[in-house]
Amino acid sequence: MAAIAFDTLKAARRLKEAGVPEAAAEAHAEIMAEAFVFNMDTLVTQDYLDARFAEQDARMDQKLGALEARINHELAEVRGDIKVLKWMLAAVALSTFIPFLRDVFSLI
């Protein structure tokens, strides 16, 4: 773990010069030093963001690919169902139309 260098002595001295009591200046400087300490491993860099975005893109591509495959499968099923319905409608139409034609031609 690396920390940003923060000079507490210099900060306390500047606060004292600005009129802050010595005990308060030292406390402020220590608090500031603690606030500036962080883990360099968690520092967000452009490379870090690029890697995270690349991972997210890969996951989204995978999910979209699976969704596309599912949609294509269901579309194929719907197309099959429509084809069956067309044939059924044709059969119903013929079963209705043929007797109608027989009755019409028998009258002639």
PDB file of N, CA and C in Angstrom:
ATOM      1  N   MET A   1       0.850  -1.160   0.000  1.00  0.00           N
ATOM      2  CA  MET A   1       0.000   0.000   0.000  1.00  0.00           C
ATOM      3  C   MET A   1       0.900   1.228   0.000  1.00  0.00           C
ATOM      4  N   ALA A   2       0.633   2.130  -0.896  1.00  0.00           N
ATOM      5  CA  ALA A   2       1.388   3.369  -0.971  1.00  0.00           C
ATOM      6  C   ALA A   2       0.478   4.523  -0.591  1.00  0.00           C
ATOM      7  N   ALA A   3       1.079   5.553  -0.047  1.00  0.00           N
ATOM      8  CA  ALA A   3       0.287   6.699   0.366  1.00  0.00           C
ATOM      9  C   ALA A   3       0.859   7.959  -0.266  1.00  0.00           C
ATOM     10  N   ILE A   4       0.007   8.926  -0.446  1.00  0.00           N
ATOM     11  CA  ILE A   4       0.466  10.220  -0.921  1.00  0.00           C
ATOM     12  C   ILE A   4       1.198  10.885   0.234  1.00  0.00           C
ATOM     13  N   ALA A   5       2.362  11.461  -0.067  1.00  0.00           N
ATOM     14  CA  ALA A   5       3.141  12.124   0.979  1.00  0.00           C
ATOM     15  C   ALA A   5       2.405  13.391   1.415  1.00  0.00           C
ATOM     16  N   PHE A   6       2.192  13.507   2.715  1.00  0.00           N
ATOM     17  CA  PHE A   6       1.541  14.679   3.274  1.00  0.00           C
ATOM     18  C   PHE A   6       2.365  15.112   4.465  1.00  0.00           C
ATOM     19  N   ASP A   7       2.881  16.317   4.406  1.00  0.00           N
ATOM     20  CA  ASP A   7       3.761  16.832   5.455  1.00  0.00           C
ATOM     21  C   ASP A   7       2.907  17.445   6.557  1.00  0.00           C
ATOM     22  N   THR A   8       2.713  16.683   7.641  1.00  0.00           N
ATOM     23  CA  THR A   8       1.863  17.159   8.740  1.00  0.00           C
ATOM     24  C   THR A   8       2.511  18.320   9.477  1.00  0.00           C
ATOM     25  N   LEU A   9       3.846  18.283   9.588  1.00  0.00           N
ATOM     26  CA  LEU A   9       4.538  19.367  10.282  1.00  0.00           C
ATOM     27  C   LEU A   9       4.360  20.687   9.540  1.00  0.00           C
ATOM     28  N   LYS A  10       4.511  20.647   8.218  1.00  0.00           N
ATOM     29  CA  LYS A  10       4.346  21.843   7.389  1.00  0.00           C
ATOM     30  C   LYS A  10       2.903  22.348   7.465  1.00  0.00           C
ATOM     31  N   ALA A  11       1.937  21.409   7.420  1.00  0.00           N
ATOM     32  CA  ALA A  11       0.530  21.803   7.497  1.00  0.00           C
ATOM     33  C   ALA A  11       0.218  22.436   8.846  1.00  0.00           C
ATOM     34  N   ALA A  12       0.710  21.831   9.928  1.00  0.00           N
ATOM     35  CA  ALA A  12       0.461  22.373  11.271  1.00  0.00           C
ATOM     36  C   ALA A  12       1.098  23.752  11.400  1.00  0.00           C
ATOM     37  N   ARG A  13       2.306  23.929  10.867  1.00  0.00           N
ATOM     38  CA  ARG A  13       2.993  25.217  10.930  1.00  0.00           C
ATOM     39  C   ARG A  13       2.187  26.295  10.185  1.00  0.00           C
ATOM     40  N   ARG A  14       1.667  25.954   9.004  1.00  0.00           N
ATOM     41  CA  ARG A  14       0.889  26.928   8.227  1.00  0.00           C
ATOM     42  C   ARG A  14      -0.409  27.290   8.944  1.00  0.00           C
ATOM     43  N   LEU A  15      -1.043  26.292   9.565  1.00  0.00           N
ATOM     44  CA  LEU A  15      -2.261  26.585  10.313  1.00  0.00           C
ATOM     45  C   LEU A  15      -1.968  27.500  11.498  1.00  0.00           C
ATOM     46  N   LYS A  16      -0.852  27.258  12.204  1.00  0.00           N
ATOM     47  CA  LYS A  16      -0.471  28.114  13.344  1.00  0.00           C
ATOM     48  C   LYS A  16      -0.217  29.538  12.871  1.00  0.00           C
ATOM     49  N   GLU A  17       0.466  29.660  11.710  1.00  0.00           N
ATOM     50  CA  GLU A  17       0.757  30.993  11.167  1.00  0.00           C
ATOM     51  C   GLU A  17      -0.539  31.721  10.788  1.00  0.00           C
ATOM     52  N   ALA A  18      -1.580  30.950  10.452  1.00  0.00           N
ATOM     53  CA  ALA A  18      -2.869  31.555  10.079  1.00  0.00           C
ATOM     54  C   ALA A  18      -3.706  31.898  11.293  1.00  0.00           C
ATOM     55  N   GLY A  19      -3.185  31.603  12.503  1.00  0.00           N
ATOM     56  CA  GLY A  19      -3.893  31.981  13.715  1.00  0.00           C
ATOM     57  C   GLY A  19      -4.637  30.851  14.399  1.00  0.00           C
ATOM     58  N   VAL A  20      -4.479  29.621  13.924  1.00  0.00           N
ATOM     59  CA  VAL A  20      -5.142  28.484  14.553  1.00  0.00           C
ATOM     60  C   VAL A  20      -4.321  28.081  15.782  1.00  0.00           C
ATOM     61  N   PRO A  21      -4.979  27.809  16.926  1.00  0.00           N
ATOM     62  CA  PRO A  21      -4.232  27.378  18.116  1.00  0.00           C
ATOM     63  C   PRO A  21      -3.407  26.119  17.807  1.00  0.00           C
ATOM     64  N   GLU A  22      -2.280  25.974  18.507  1.00  0.00           N
ATOM     65  CA  GLU A  22      -1.326  24.897  18.218  1.00  0.00           C
ATOM     66  C   GLU A  22      -1.960  23.513  18.298  1.00  0.00           C
ATOM     67  N   ALA A  23      -2.732  23.222  19.318  1.00  0.00           N
ATOM     68  CA  ALA A  23      -3.343  21.895  19.468  1.00  0.00           C
ATOM     69  C   ALA A  23      -4.321  21.624  18.320  1.00  0.00           C
ATOM     70  N   ALA A  24      -5.099  22.631  17.963  1.00  0.00           N
ATOM     71  CA  ALA A  24      -6.059  22.468  16.868  1.00  0.00           C
ATOM     72  C   ALA A  24      -5.326  22.295  15.544  1.00  0.00           C
ATOM     73  N   ALA A  25      -4.247  23.054  15.339  1.00  0.00           N
ATOM     74  CA  ALA A  25      -3.480  22.962  14.094  1.00  0.00           C
ATOM     75  C   ALA A  25      -2.885  21.567  13.936  1.00  0.00           C
ATOM     76  N   GLU A  26      -2.337  21.022  15.015  1.00  0.00           N
ATOM     77  CA  GLU A  26      -1.758  19.677  14.956  1.00  0.00           C
ATOM     78  C   GLU A  26      -2.846  18.626  14.691  1.00  0.00           C
ATOM     79  N   ALA A  27      -4.005  18.781  15.325  1.00  0.00           N
ATOM     80  CA  ALA A  27      -5.104  17.838  15.122  1.00  0.00           C
ATOM     81  C   ALA A  27      -5.594  17.900  13.675  1.00  0.00           C
ATOM     82  N   HIS A  28      -5.731  19.096  13.148  1.00  0.00           N
ATOM     83  CA  HIS A  28      -6.161  19.251  11.750  1.00  0.00           C
ATOM     84  C   HIS A  28      -5.163  18.595  10.799  1.00  0.00           C
ATOM     85  N   ALA A  29      -3.880  18.815  11.062  1.00  0.00           N
ATOM     86  CA  ALA A  29      -2.840  18.251  10.194  1.00  0.00           C
ATOM     87  C   ALA A  29      -2.873  16.725  10.231  1.00  0.00           C
ATOM     88  N   GLU A  30      -3.060  16.149  11.421  1.00  0.00           N
ATOM     89  CA  GLU A  30      -3.133  14.687  11.533  1.00  0.00           C
ATOM     90  C   GLU A  30      -4.367  14.132  10.812  1.00  0.00           C
ATOM     91  N   ILE A  31      -5.486  14.822  10.961  1.00  0.00           N
ATOM     92  CA  ILE A  31      -6.718  14.389  10.288  1.00  0.00           C
ATOM     93  C   ILE A  31      -6.534  14.452   8.774  1.00  0.00           C
ATOM     94  N   MET A  32      -5.903  15.514   8.300  1.00  0.00           N
ATOM     95  CA  MET A  32      -5.652  15.636   6.853  1.00  0.00           C
ATOM     96  C   MET A  32      -4.740  14.512   6.371  1.00  0.00           C
ATOM     97  N   ALA A  33      -3.737  14.169   7.151  1.00  0.00           N
ATOM     98  CA  ALA A  33      -2.818  13.092   6.760  1.00  0.00           C
ATOM     99  C   ALA A  33      -3.569  11.773   6.651  1.00  0.00           C
ATOM    100  N   GLU A  34      -4.452  11.506   7.592  1.00  0.00           N
ATOM    101  CA  GLU A  34      -5.242  10.278   7.550  1.00  0.00           C
ATOM    102  C   GLU A  34      -6.190  10.271   6.352  1.00  0.00           C
ATOM    103  N   ALA A  35      -6.705  11.426   6.020  1.00  0.00           N
ATOM    104  CA  ALA A  35      -7.645  11.513   4.900  1.00  0.00           C
ATOM    105  C   ALA A  35      -6.954  11.253   3.571  1.00  0.00           C
ATOM    106  N   PHE A  36      -5.672  11.611   3.474  1.00  0.00           N
ATOM    107  CA  PHE A  36      -4.965  11.450   2.207  1.00  0.00           C
ATOM    108  C   PHE A  36      -4.329  10.083   2.024  1.00  0.00           C
ATOM    109  N   VAL A  37      -4.381   9.233   3.037  1.00  0.00           N
ATOM    110  CA  VAL A  37      -3.813   7.891   2.905  1.00  0.00           C
ATOM    111  C   VAL A  37      -4.839   7.014   2.196  1.00  0.00           C
ATOM    112  N   PHE A  38      -4.432   6.373   1.115  1.00  0.00           N
ATOM    113  CA  PHE A  38      -5.319   5.458   0.410  1.00  0.00           C
ATOM    114  C   PHE A  38      -4.485   4.370  -0.236  1.00  0.00           C
ATOM    115  N   ASN A  39      -5.132   3.341  -0.622  1.00  0.00           N
ATOM    116  CA  ASN A  39      -4.470   2.195  -1.229  1.00  0.00           C
ATOM    117  C   ASN A  39      -4.283   2.458  -2.716  1.00  0.00           C
ATOM    118  N   MET A  40      -3.051   2.407  -3.195  1.00  0.00           N
ATOM    119  CA  MET A  40      -2.773   2.660  -4.608  1.00  0.00           C
ATOM    120  C   MET A  40      -3.369   1.567  -5.491  1.00  0.00           C
ATOM    121  N   ASP A  41      -3.642   0.396  -4.928  1.00  0.00           N
ATOM    122  CA  ASP A  41      -4.235  -0.685  -5.717  1.00  0.00           C
ATOM    123  C   ASP A  41      -5.656  -0.342  -6.146  1.00  0.00           C
ATOM    124  N   THR A  42      -6.317   0.536  -5.417  1.00  0.00           N
ATOM    125  CA  THR A  42      -7.691   0.890  -5.755  1.00  0.00           C
ATOM    126  C   THR A  42      -7.767   2.194  -6.541  1.00  0.00           C
ATOM    127  N   LEU A  43      -6.630   2.739  -6.911  1.00  0.00           N
ATOM    128  CA  LEU A  43      -6.604   3.963  -7.697  1.00  0.00           C
ATOM    129  C   LEU A  43      -7.196   3.687  -9.078  1.00  0.00           C
ATOM    130  N   VAL A  44      -8.126   4.495  -9.487  1.00  0.00           N
ATOM    131  CA  VAL A  44      -8.781   4.313 -10.777  1.00  0.00           C
ATOM    132  C   VAL A  44      -7.948   5.005 -11.849  1.00  0.00           C
ATOM    133  N   THR A  45      -7.475   4.212 -12.799  1.00  0.00           N
ATOM    134  CA  THR A  45      -6.697   4.750 -13.912  1.00  0.00           C
ATOM    135  C   THR A  45      -7.454   4.481 -15.206  1.00  0.00           C
ATOM    136  N   GLN A  46      -6.964   5.066 -16.276  1.00  0.00           N
ATOM    137  CA  GLN A  46      -7.588   4.835 -17.578  1.00  0.00           C
ATOM    138  C   GLN A  46      -7.493   3.362 -17.956  1.00  0.00           C
ATOM    139  N   ASP A  47      -6.355   2.735 -17.658  1.00  0.00           N
ATOM    140  CA  ASP A  47      -6.200   1.304 -17.962  1.00  0.00           C
ATOM    141  C   ASP A  47      -7.203   0.463 -17.179  1.00  0.00           C
ATOM    142  N   TYR A  48      -7.396   0.818 -15.912  1.00  0.00           N
ATOM    143  CA  TYR A  48      -8.360   0.107 -15.073  1.00  0.00           C
ATOM    144  C   TYR A  48      -9.761   0.232 -15.670  1.00  0.00           C
ATOM    145  N   LEU A  49     -10.135   1.466 -16.026  1.00  0.00           N
ATOM    146  CA  LEU A  49     -11.464   1.682 -16.605  1.00  0.00           C
ATOM    147  C   LEU A  49     -11.616   0.951 -17.933  1.00  0.00           C
ATOM    148  N   ASP A  50     -10.573   1.006 -18.768  1.00  0.00           N
ATOM    149  CA  ASP A  50     -10.628   0.305 -20.051  1.00  0.00           C
ATOM    150  C   ASP A  50     -10.834  -1.196 -19.849  1.00  0.00           C
ATOM    151  N   ALA A  51     -10.128  -1.773 -18.868  1.00  0.00           N
ATOM    152  CA  ALA A  51     -10.269  -3.208 -18.591  1.00  0.00           C
ATOM    153  C   ALA A  51     -11.678  -3.534 -18.104  1.00  0.00           C
ATOM    154  N   ARG A  52     -12.215  -2.708 -17.192  1.00  0.00           N
ATOM    155  CA  ARG A  52     -13.569  -2.957 -16.684  1.00  0.00           C
ATOM    156  C   ARG A  52     -14.601  -2.819 -17.798  1.00  0.00           C
ATOM    157  N   PHE A  53     -14.448  -1.797 -18.656  1.00  0.00           N
ATOM    158  CA  PHE A  53     -15.386  -1.629 -19.760  1.00  0.00           C
ATOM    159  C   PHE A  53     -15.282  -2.777 -20.753  1.00  0.00           C
ATOM    160  N   ALA A  54     -14.069  -3.268 -20.987  1.00  0.00           N
ATOM    161  CA  ALA A  54     -13.900  -4.395 -21.906  1.00  0.00           C
ATOM    162  C   ALA A  54     -14.592  -5.635 -21.338  1.00  0.00           C
ATOM    163  N   GLU A  55     -14.449  -5.863 -20.028  1.00  0.00           N
ATOM    164  CA  GLU A  55     -15.129  -7.001 -19.390  1.00  0.00           C
ATOM    165  C   GLU A  55     -16.644  -6.847 -19.499  1.00  0.00           C
ATOM    166  N   GLN A  56     -17.126  -5.630 -19.245  1.00  0.00           N
ATOM    167  CA  GLN A  56     -18.569  -5.384 -19.322  1.00  0.00           C
ATOM    168  C   GLN A  56     -19.073  -5.589 -20.751  1.00  0.00           C
ATOM    169  N   ASP A  57     -18.300  -5.106 -21.727  1.00  0.00           N
ATOM    170  CA  ASP A  57     -18.684  -5.295 -23.128  1.00  0.00           C
ATOM    171  C   ASP A  57     -18.747  -6.774 -23.482  1.00  0.00           C
ATOM    172  N   ALA A  58     -17.775  -7.548 -22.994  1.00  0.00           N
ATOM    173  CA  ALA A  58     -17.763  -8.984 -23.289  1.00  0.00           C
ATOM    174  C   ALA A  58     -18.990  -9.664 -22.683  1.00  0.00           C
ATOM    175  N   ARG A  59     -19.329  -9.291 -21.441  1.00  0.00           N
ATOM    176  CA  ARG A  59     -20.523  -9.875 -20.809  1.00  0.00           C
ATOM    177  C   ARG A  59     -21.791  -9.475 -21.557  1.00  0.00           C
ATOM    178  N   MET A  60     -21.875  -8.225 -21.966  1.00  0.00           N
ATOM    179  CA  MET A  60     -23.056  -7.772 -22.703  1.00  0.00           C
ATOM    180  C   MET A  60     -23.144  -8.468 -24.056  1.00  0.00           C
ATOM    181  N   ASP A  61     -22.012  -8.631 -24.744  1.00  0.00           N
ATOM    182  CA  ASP A  61     -22.020  -9.344 -26.024  1.00  0.00           C
ATOM    183  C   ASP A  61     -22.503 -10.773 -25.846  1.00  0.00           C
ATOM    184  N   GLN A  62     -22.048 -11.415 -24.769  1.00  0.00           N
ATOM    185  CA  GLN A  62     -22.461 -12.797 -24.501  1.00  0.00           C
ATOM    186  C   GLN A  62     -23.966 -12.852 -24.227  1.00  0.00           C
ATOM    187  N   LYS A  63     -24.461 -11.939 -23.406  1.00  0.00           N
ATOM    188  CA  LYS A  63     -25.892 -11.925 -23.096  1.00  0.00           C
ATOM    189  C   LYS A  63     -26.723 -11.612 -24.336  1.00  0.00           C
ATOM    190  N   LEU A  64     -26.255 -10.650 -25.140  1.00  0.00           N
ATOM    191  CA  LEU A  64     -26.987 -10.316 -26.353  1.00  0.00           C
ATOM    192  C   LEU A  64     -26.977 -11.467 -27.349  1.00  0.00           C
ATOM    193  N   GLY A  65     -25.857 -12.193 -27.421  1.00  0.00           N
ATOM    194  CA  GLY A  65     -25.790 -13.357 -28.302  1.00  0.00           C
ATOM    195  C   GLY A  65     -26.782 -14.430 -27.876  1.00  0.00           C
ATOM    196  N   ALA A  66     -26.861 -14.674 -26.581  1.00  0.00           N
ATOM    197  CA  ALA A  66     -27.812 -15.665 -26.070  1.00  0.00           C
ATOM    198  C   ALA A  66     -29.248 -15.205 -26.330  1.00  0.00           C
ATOM    199  N   LEU A  67     -29.509 -13.914 -26.124  1.00  0.00           N
ATOM    200  CA  LEU A  67     -30.849 -13.382 -26.373  1.00  0.00           C
ATOM    201  C   LEU A  67     -31.205 -13.481 -27.849  1.00  0.00           C
ATOM    202  N   GLU A  68     -30.251 -13.182 -28.720  1.00  0.00           N
ATOM    203  CA  GLU A  68     -30.500 -13.275 -30.157  1.00  0.00           C
ATOM    204  C   GLU A  68     -30.802 -14.714 -30.568  1.00  0.00           C
ATOM    205  N   ALA A  69     -30.055 -15.660 -30.016  1.00  0.00           N
ATOM    206  CA  ALA A  69     -30.300 -17.071 -30.331  1.00  0.00           C
ATOM    207  C   ALA A  69     -31.694 -17.486 -29.857  1.00  0.00           C
ATOM    208  N   ARG A  70     -32.080 -17.027 -28.668  1.00  0.00           N
ATOM    209  CA  ARG A  70     -33.405 -17.368 -28.135  1.00  0.00           C
ATOM    210  C   ARG A  70     -34.515 -16.761 -28.999  1.00  0.00           C
ATOM    211  N   ILE A  71     -34.332 -15.514 -29.399  1.00  0.00           N
ATOM    212  CA  ILE A  71     -35.332 -14.848 -30.243  1.00  0.00           C
ATOM    213  C   ILE A  71     -35.443 -15.565 -31.587  1.00  0.00           C
ATOM    214  N   ASN A  72     -34.299 -15.909 -32.191  1.00  0.00           N
ATOM    215  CA  ASN A  72     -34.325 -16.618 -33.470  1.00  0.00           C
ATOM    216  C   ASN A  72     -35.030 -17.960 -33.347  1.00  0.00           C
ATOM    217  N   HIS A  73     -34.789 -18.668 -32.245  1.00  0.00           N
ATOM    218  CA  HIS A  73     -35.449 -19.962 -32.017  1.00  0.00           C
ATOM    219  C   HIS A  73     -36.961 -19.769 -31.902  1.00  0.00           C
ATOM    220  N   GLU A  74     -37.371 -18.777 -31.132  1.00  0.00           N
ATOM    221  CA  GLU A  74     -38.807 -18.551 -30.958  1.00  0.00           C
ATOM    222  C   GLU A  74     -39.451 -18.051 -32.247  1.00  0.00           C
ATOM    223  N   LEU A  75     -38.725 -17.244 -33.016  1.00  0.00           N
ATOM    224  CA  LEU A  75     -39.254 -16.806 -34.312  1.00  0.00           C
ATOM    225  C   LEU A  75     -39.453 -17.988 -35.250  1.00  0.00           C
ATOM    226  N   ALA A  76     -38.523 -18.924 -35.231  1.00  0.00           N
ATOM    227  CA  ALA A  76     -38.664 -20.115 -36.070  1.00  0.00           C
ATOM    228  C   ALA A  76     -39.914 -20.895 -35.667  1.00  0.00           C
ATOM    229  N   GLU A  77     -40.150 -20.992 -34.364  1.00  0.00           N
ATOM    230  CA  GLU A  77     -41.357 -21.683 -33.892  1.00  0.00           C
ATOM    231  C   GLU A  77     -42.617 -20.947 -34.351  1.00  0.00           C
ATOM    232  N   VAL A  78     -42.618 -19.628 -34.258  1.00  0.00           N
ATOM    233  CA  VAL A  78     -43.782 -18.841 -34.666  1.00  0.00           C
ATOM    234  C   VAL A  78     -44.015 -18.997 -36.161  1.00  0.00           C
ATOM    235  N   ARG A  79     -42.931 -18.954 -36.938  1.00  0.00           N
ATOM    236  CA  ARG A  79     -43.081 -19.136 -38.385  1.00  0.00           C
ATOM    237  C   ARG A  79     -43.666 -20.507 -38.704  1.00  0.00           C
ATOM    238  N   GLY A  80     -43.226 -21.518 -37.983  1.00  0.00           N
ATOM    239  CA  GLY A  80     -43.780 -22.859 -38.171  1.00  0.00           C
ATOM    240  C   GLY A  80     -45.262 -22.902 -37.829  1.00  0.00           C
ATOM    241  N   ASP A  81     -45.615 -22.247 -36.723  1.00  0.00           N
ATOM    242  CA  ASP A  81     -47.023 -22.199 -36.320  1.00  0.00           C
ATOM    243  C   ASP A  81     -47.863 -21.469 -37.368  1.00  0.00           C
ATOM    244  N   ILE A  82     -47.334 -20.392 -37.906  1.00  0.00           N
ATOM    245  CA  ILE A  82     -48.066 -19.643 -38.939  1.00  0.00           C
ATOM    246  C   ILE A  82     -48.263 -20.500 -40.178  1.00  0.00           C
ATOM    247  N   LYS A  83     -47.236 -21.262 -40.535  1.00  0.00           N
ATOM    248  CA  LYS A  83     -47.361 -22.135 -41.713  1.00  0.00           C
ATOM    249  C   LYS A  83     -48.463 -23.171 -41.491  1.00  0.00           C
ATOM    250  N   VAL A  84     -48.512 -23.757 -40.313  1.00  0.00           N
ATOM    251  CA  VAL A  84     -49.558 -24.734 -39.989  1.00  0.00           C
ATOM    252  C   VAL A  84     -50.931 -24.068 -40.033  1.00  0.00           C
ATOM    253  N   LEU A  85     -51.028 -22.865 -39.466  1.00  0.00           N
ATOM    254  CA  LEU A  85     -52.309 -22.153 -39.474  1.00  0.00           C
ATOM    255  C   LEU A  85     -52.765 -21.825 -40.886  1.00  0.00           C
ATOM    256  N   LYS A  86     -51.825 -21.485 -41.769  1.00  0.00           N
ATOM    257  CA  LYS A  86     -52.193 -21.224 -43.171  1.00  0.00           C
ATOM    258  C   LYS A  86     -52.805 -22.463 -43.802  1.00  0.00           C
ATOM    259  N   TRP A  87     -52.179 -23.612 -43.575  1.00  0.00           N
ATOM    260  CA  TRP A  87     -52.704 -24.856 -44.152  1.00  0.00           C
ATOM    261  C   TRP A  87     -54.065 -25.205 -43.558  1.00  0.00           C
ATOM    262  N   MET A  88     -54.216 -24.967 -42.257  1.00  0.00           N
ATOM    263  CA  MET A  88     -55.507 -25.246 -41.622  1.00  0.00           C
ATOM    264  C   MET A  88     -56.592 -24.325 -42.185  1.00  0.00           C
ATOM    265  N   LEU A  89     -56.258 -23.036 -42.379  1.00  0.00           N
ATOM    266  CA  LEU A  89     -57.218 -22.097 -42.945  1.00  0.00           C
ATOM    267  C   LEU A  89     -57.580 -22.502 -44.371  1.00  0.00           C
ATOM    268  N   ALA A  90     -56.580 -22.945 -45.126  1.00  0.00           N
ATOM    269  CA  ALA A  90     -56.851 -23.401 -46.496  1.00  0.00           C
ATOM    270  C   ALA A  90     -57.777 -24.614 -46.481  1.00  0.00           C
ATOM    271  N   ALA A  91     -57.542 -25.546 -45.558  1.00  0.00           N
ATOM    272  CA  ALA A  91     -58.381 -26.740 -45.470  1.00  0.00           C
ATOM    273  C   ALA A  91     -59.818 -26.367 -45.092  1.00  0.00           C
ATOM    274  N   VAL A  92     -59.970 -25.429 -44.156  1.00  0.00           N
ATOM    275  CA  VAL A  92     -61.310 -24.990 -43.750  1.00  0.00           C
ATOM    276  C   VAL A  92     -61.995 -24.284 -44.915  1.00  0.00           C
ATOM    277  N   ALA A  93     -61.251 -23.425 -45.613  1.00  0.00           N
ATOM    278  CA  ALA A  93     -61.835 -22.711 -46.754  1.00  0.00           C
ATOM    279  C   ALA A  93     -62.276 -23.690 -47.833  1.00  0.00           C
ATOM    280  N   LEU A  94     -61.432 -24.677 -48.137  1.00  0.00           N
ATOM    281  CA  LEU A  94     -61.791 -25.662 -49.157  1.00  0.00           C
ATOM    282  C   LEU A  94     -62.974 -26.512 -48.721  1.00  0.00           C
ATOM    283  N   SER A  95     -62.983 -26.886 -47.445  1.00  0.00           N
ATOM    284  CA  SER A  95     -64.098 -27.718 -46.986  1.00  0.00           C
ATOM    285  C   SER A  95     -65.415 -26.940 -47.002  1.00  0.00           C
ATOM    286  N   THR A  96     -65.335 -25.616 -46.955  1.00  0.00           N
ATOM    287  CA  THR A  96     -66.535 -24.792 -47.049  1.00  0.00           C
ATOM    288  C   THR A  96     -66.852 -24.457 -48.501  1.00  0.00           C
ATOM    289  N   PHE A  97     -65.848 -24.183 -49.279  1.00  0.00           N
ATOM    290  CA  PHE A  97     -66.032 -23.724 -50.655  1.00  0.00           C
ATOM    291  C   PHE A  97     -66.446 -24.854 -51.603  1.00  0.00           C
ATOM    292  N   ILE A  98     -65.902 -26.041 -51.413  1.00  0.00           N
ATOM    293  CA  ILE A  98     -66.229 -27.159 -52.311  1.00  0.00           C
ATOM    294  C   ILE A  98     -67.726 -27.515 -52.233  1.00  0.00           C
ATOM    295  N   PRO A  99     -68.307 -27.657 -51.048  1.00  0.00           N
ATOM    296  CA  PRO A  99     -69.753 -27.918 -51.020  1.00  0.00           C
ATOM    297  C   PRO A  99     -70.566 -26.764 -51.616  1.00  0.00           C
ATOM    298  N   PHE A 100     -70.094 -25.544 -51.420  1.00  0.00           N
ATOM    299  CA  PHE A 100     -70.778 -24.395 -52.009  1.00  0.00           C
ATOM    300  C   PHE A 100     -70.748 -24.488 -53.534  1.00  0.00           C
ATOM    301  N   LEU A 101     -69.595 -24.829 -54.102  1.00  0.00           N
ATOM    302  CA  LEU A 101     -69.494 -24.976 -55.556  1.00  0.00           C
ATOM    303  C   LEU A 101     -70.387 -26.122 -56.060  1.00  0.00           C
ATOM    304  N   ARG A 102     -70.420 -27.217 -55.325  1.00  0.00           N
ATOM    305  CA  ARG A 102     -71.262 -28.348 -55.714  1.00  0.00           C
ATOM    306  C   ARG A 102     -72.717 -27.953 -55.761  1.00  0.00           C
ATOM    307  N   ASP A 103     -73.141 -27.155 -54.745  1.00  0.00           N
ATOM    308  CA  ASP A 103     -74.532 -26.697 -54.722  1.00  0.00           C
ATOM    309  C   ASP A 103     -74.825 -25.717 -55.848  1.00  0.00           C
ATOM    310  N   VAL A 104     -73.878 -24.838 -56.156  1.00  0.00           N
ATOM    311  CA  VAL A 104     -74.071 -23.871 -57.225  1.00  0.00           C
ATOM    312  C   VAL A 104     -74.160 -24.588 -58.571  1.00  0.00           C
ATOM    313  N   PHE A 105     -73.258 -25.510 -58.833  1.00  0.00           N
ATOM    314  CA  PHE A 105     -73.254 -26.192 -60.129  1.00  0.00           C
ATOM    315  C   PHE A 105     -74.411 -27.201 -60.265  1.00  0.00           C
ATOM    316  N   SER A 106     -74.915 -27.680 -59.165  1.00  0.00           N
ATOM    317  CA  SER A 106     -76.050 -28.584 -59.253  1.00  0.00           C
ATOM    318  C   SER A 106     -77.342 -27.833 -59.626  1.00  0.00           C
ATOM    319  N   LEU A 107     -77.346 -26.539 -59.362  1.00  0.00           N
ATOM    320  CA  LEU A 107     -78.502 -25.712 -59.711  1.00  0.00           C
ATOM    321  C   LEU A 107     -78.503 -25.358 -61.176  1.00  0.00           C
ATOM    322  N   ILE A 108     -77.364 -25.361 -61.802  1.00  0.00           N
ATOM    323  CA  ILE A 108     -77.275 -24.941 -63.196  1.00  0.00           C
ATOM    324  C   ILE A 108     -77.783 -26.013 -64.127  1.00  0.00           C
TER     325      ILE A 108
END
